[in-house]
Amino acid sequence: MENAGDRVRVHVKIEGRVQGVFFRAATHDQANRLGVKGWVRNCPDGAVELVAEGKKKSIDDLIAWCRHGPPGAHVRDVQVQWQEFKDEFSAFRITR
């Protein structure tokens, strides 16, 4: 049985060449593979940000993936902010 303490929430901001390289779509696919819920969007400053909830291992795997992203991306920095788990998402989606 899953322990609620095993589930976490994170806010991640990815900087570099991350827009125009299908970063959001690839993040969406990766999150779905990992069973992670939340959202991803482009930022006005050229970065991509996401909020994700799920099992700690899955979130760690998603963050690790964000450090390189899809082919064509050039990730310069990944900022990770851990937050309190809220269980507010039913899926992972791309937002604006």
C-alpha atoms as a PDB file:
ATOM      1  CA  MET A   1       0.000   0.000   0.000  1.00  0.00           C
ATOM      2  CA  GLU A   2       1.298   3.460  -0.912  1.00  0.00           C
ATOM      3  CA  ASN A   3       2.289   5.702   1.963  1.00  0.00           C
ATOM      4  CA  ALA A   4       1.170   9.337   1.590  1.00  0.00           C
ATOM      5  CA  GLY A   5       4.656  10.299   2.803  1.00  0.00           C
ATOM      6  CA  ASP A   6       6.086   8.764  -0.376  1.00  0.00           C
ATOM      7  CA  ARG A   7       4.290  11.359  -2.500  1.00  0.00           C
ATOM      8  CA  VAL A   8       5.833  14.759  -3.109  1.00  0.00           C
ATOM      9  CA  ARG A   9       5.263  18.010  -4.995  1.00  0.00           C
ATOM     10  CA  VAL A  10       7.858  20.054  -6.817  1.00  0.00           C
ATOM     11  CA  HIS A  11       8.069  23.301  -8.770  1.00  0.00           C
ATOM     12  CA  VAL A  12      10.799  23.215 -11.430  1.00  0.00           C
ATOM     13  CA  LYS A  13      12.073  25.992 -13.691  1.00  0.00           C
ATOM     14  CA  ILE A  14      14.226  24.935 -16.648  1.00  0.00           C
ATOM     15  CA  GLU A  15      16.374  27.562 -18.372  1.00  0.00           C
ATOM     16  CA  GLY A  16      18.326  27.413 -21.617  1.00  0.00           C
ATOM     17  CA  ARG A  17      17.187  26.594 -25.156  1.00  0.00           C
ATOM     18  CA  VAL A  18      13.966  24.952 -23.995  1.00  0.00           C
ATOM     19  CA  GLN A  19      11.261  26.647 -26.093  1.00  0.00           C
ATOM     20  CA  GLY A  20      10.685  25.665 -29.709  1.00  0.00           C
ATOM     21  CA  VAL A  21      12.247  22.217 -29.175  1.00  0.00           C
ATOM     22  CA  PHE A  22       9.083  20.332 -28.053  1.00  0.00           C
ATOM     23  CA  PHE A  23      10.186  20.499 -24.401  1.00  0.00           C
ATOM     24  CA  ARG A  24       6.616  20.763 -23.087  1.00  0.00           C
ATOM     25  CA  ALA A  25       5.305  17.899 -25.226  1.00  0.00           C
ATOM     26  CA  ALA A  26       8.259  15.680 -24.312  1.00  0.00           C
ATOM     27  CA  THR A  27       7.840  16.564 -20.615  1.00  0.00           C
ATOM     28  CA  HIS A  28       4.154  15.664 -20.875  1.00  0.00           C
ATOM     29  CA  ASP A  29       5.045  12.266 -22.367  1.00  0.00           C
ATOM     30  CA  GLN A  30       7.751  11.642 -19.757  1.00  0.00           C
ATOM     31  CA  ALA A  31       5.431  12.588 -16.873  1.00  0.00           C
ATOM     32  CA  ASN A  32       2.747  10.245 -18.170  1.00  0.00           C
ATOM     33  CA  ARG A  33       5.267   7.393 -18.438  1.00  0.00           C
ATOM     34  CA  LEU A  34       6.275   8.023 -14.824  1.00  0.00           C
ATOM     35  CA  GLY A  35       2.707   8.358 -13.506  1.00  0.00           C
ATOM     36  CA  VAL A  36       3.281  11.974 -12.465  1.00  0.00           C
ATOM     37  CA  LYS A  37       0.474  14.565 -12.377  1.00  0.00           C
ATOM     38  CA  GLY A  38       0.633  18.343 -12.740  1.00  0.00           C
ATOM     39  CA  TRP A  39       1.357  20.838 -15.515  1.00  0.00           C
ATOM     40  CA  VAL A  40       4.101  22.327 -17.712  1.00  0.00           C
ATOM     41  CA  ARG A  41       4.166  25.691 -19.509  1.00  0.00           C
ATOM     42  CA  ASN A  42       6.393  28.174 -21.301  1.00  0.00           C
ATOM     43  CA  CYS A  43       7.450  31.277 -19.356  1.00  0.00           C
ATOM     44  CA  PRO A  44       7.629  34.774 -20.868  1.00  0.00           C
ATOM     45  CA  ASP A  45      11.386  34.853 -20.079  1.00  0.00           C
ATOM     46  CA  GLY A  46      12.083  31.879 -22.374  1.00  0.00           C
ATOM     47  CA  ALA A  47      12.209  29.257 -19.627  1.00  0.00           C
ATOM     48  CA  VAL A  48       9.851  26.327 -19.074  1.00  0.00           C
ATOM     49  CA  GLU A  49       8.279  25.673 -15.689  1.00  0.00           C
ATOM     50  CA  LEU A  50       6.342  22.788 -14.242  1.00  0.00           C
ATOM     51  CA  VAL A  51       4.593  21.729 -11.090  1.00  0.00           C
ATOM     52  CA  ALA A  52       4.421  17.993 -10.548  1.00  0.00           C
ATOM     53  CA  GLU A  53       3.126  15.613  -7.908  1.00  0.00           C
ATOM     54  CA  GLY A  54       3.716  11.918  -7.532  1.00  0.00           C
ATOM     55  CA  LYS A  55       5.877   9.278  -5.926  1.00  0.00           C
ATOM     56  CA  LYS A  56       9.266  10.612  -4.822  1.00  0.00           C
ATOM     57  CA  LYS A  57      11.179   8.246  -7.151  1.00  0.00           C
ATOM     58  CA  SER A  58       9.057   9.295 -10.158  1.00  0.00           C
ATOM     59  CA  ILE A  59       9.514  12.984  -9.379  1.00  0.00           C
ATOM     60  CA  ASP A  60      13.278  12.465  -8.992  1.00  0.00           C
ATOM     61  CA  ASP A  61      13.319  10.703 -12.374  1.00  0.00           C
ATOM     62  CA  LEU A  62      11.362  13.567 -13.992  1.00  0.00           C
ATOM     63  CA  ILE A  63      13.782  16.159 -12.564  1.00  0.00           C
ATOM     64  CA  ALA A  64      16.742  14.126 -13.842  1.00  0.00           C
ATOM     65  CA  TRP A  65      15.138  13.995 -17.301  1.00  0.00           C
ATOM     66  CA  CYS A  66      14.570  17.797 -17.218  1.00  0.00           C
ATOM     67  CA  ARG A  67      18.321  18.307 -16.784  1.00  0.00           C
ATOM     68  CA  HIS A  68      18.813  17.296 -20.456  1.00  0.00           C
ATOM     69  CA  GLY A  69      15.301  17.373 -21.973  1.00  0.00           C
ATOM     70  CA  PRO A  70      14.414  16.229 -25.482  1.00  0.00           C
ATOM     71  CA  PRO A  71      16.785  16.219 -28.477  1.00  0.00           C
ATOM     72  CA  GLY A  72      17.418  19.809 -29.576  1.00  0.00           C
ATOM     73  CA  ALA A  73      17.149  21.258 -26.073  1.00  0.00           C
ATOM     74  CA  HIS A  74      20.139  22.802 -24.352  1.00  0.00           C
ATOM     75  CA  VAL A  75      19.437  23.013 -20.622  1.00  0.00           C
ATOM     76  CA  ARG A  76      21.554  25.609 -18.825  1.00  0.00           C
ATOM     77  CA  ASP A  77      19.947  25.511 -15.373  1.00  0.00           C
ATOM     78  CA  VAL A  78      17.268  23.612 -13.461  1.00  0.00           C
ATOM     79  CA  GLN A  79      15.851  25.207 -10.319  1.00  0.00           C
ATOM     80  CA  VAL A  80      13.976  22.846  -8.005  1.00  0.00           C
ATOM     81  CA  GLN A  81      11.676  23.968  -5.217  1.00  0.00           C
ATOM     82  CA  TRP A  82      10.057  21.266  -3.079  1.00  0.00           C
ATOM     83  CA  GLN A  83       6.530  22.045  -1.900  1.00  0.00           C
ATOM     84  CA  GLU A  84       3.889  20.453   0.282  1.00  0.00           C
ATOM     85  CA  PHE A  85       2.014  17.625  -1.483  1.00  0.00           C
ATOM     86  CA  LYS A  86      -1.572  18.738  -2.239  1.00  0.00           C
ATOM     87  CA  ASP A  87      -2.999  15.941  -4.424  1.00  0.00           C
ATOM     88  CA  GLU A  88      -4.745  18.533  -6.601  1.00  0.00           C
ATOM     89  CA  PHE A  89      -4.138  17.129 -10.102  1.00  0.00           C
ATOM     90  CA  SER A  90      -5.969  14.389 -11.990  1.00  0.00           C
ATOM     91  CA  ALA A  91      -3.521  14.283 -14.934  1.00  0.00           C
ATOM     92  CA  PHE A  92      -0.421  15.950 -16.365  1.00  0.00           C
ATOM     93  CA  ARG A  93      -1.210  18.704 -18.847  1.00  0.00           C
ATOM     94  CA  ILE A  94       0.384  21.391 -20.963  1.00  0.00           C
ATOM     95  CA  THR A  95      -0.875  24.866 -20.034  1.00  0.00           C
ATOM     96  CA  ARG A  96      -0.269  28.383 -21.328  1.00  0.00           C
END
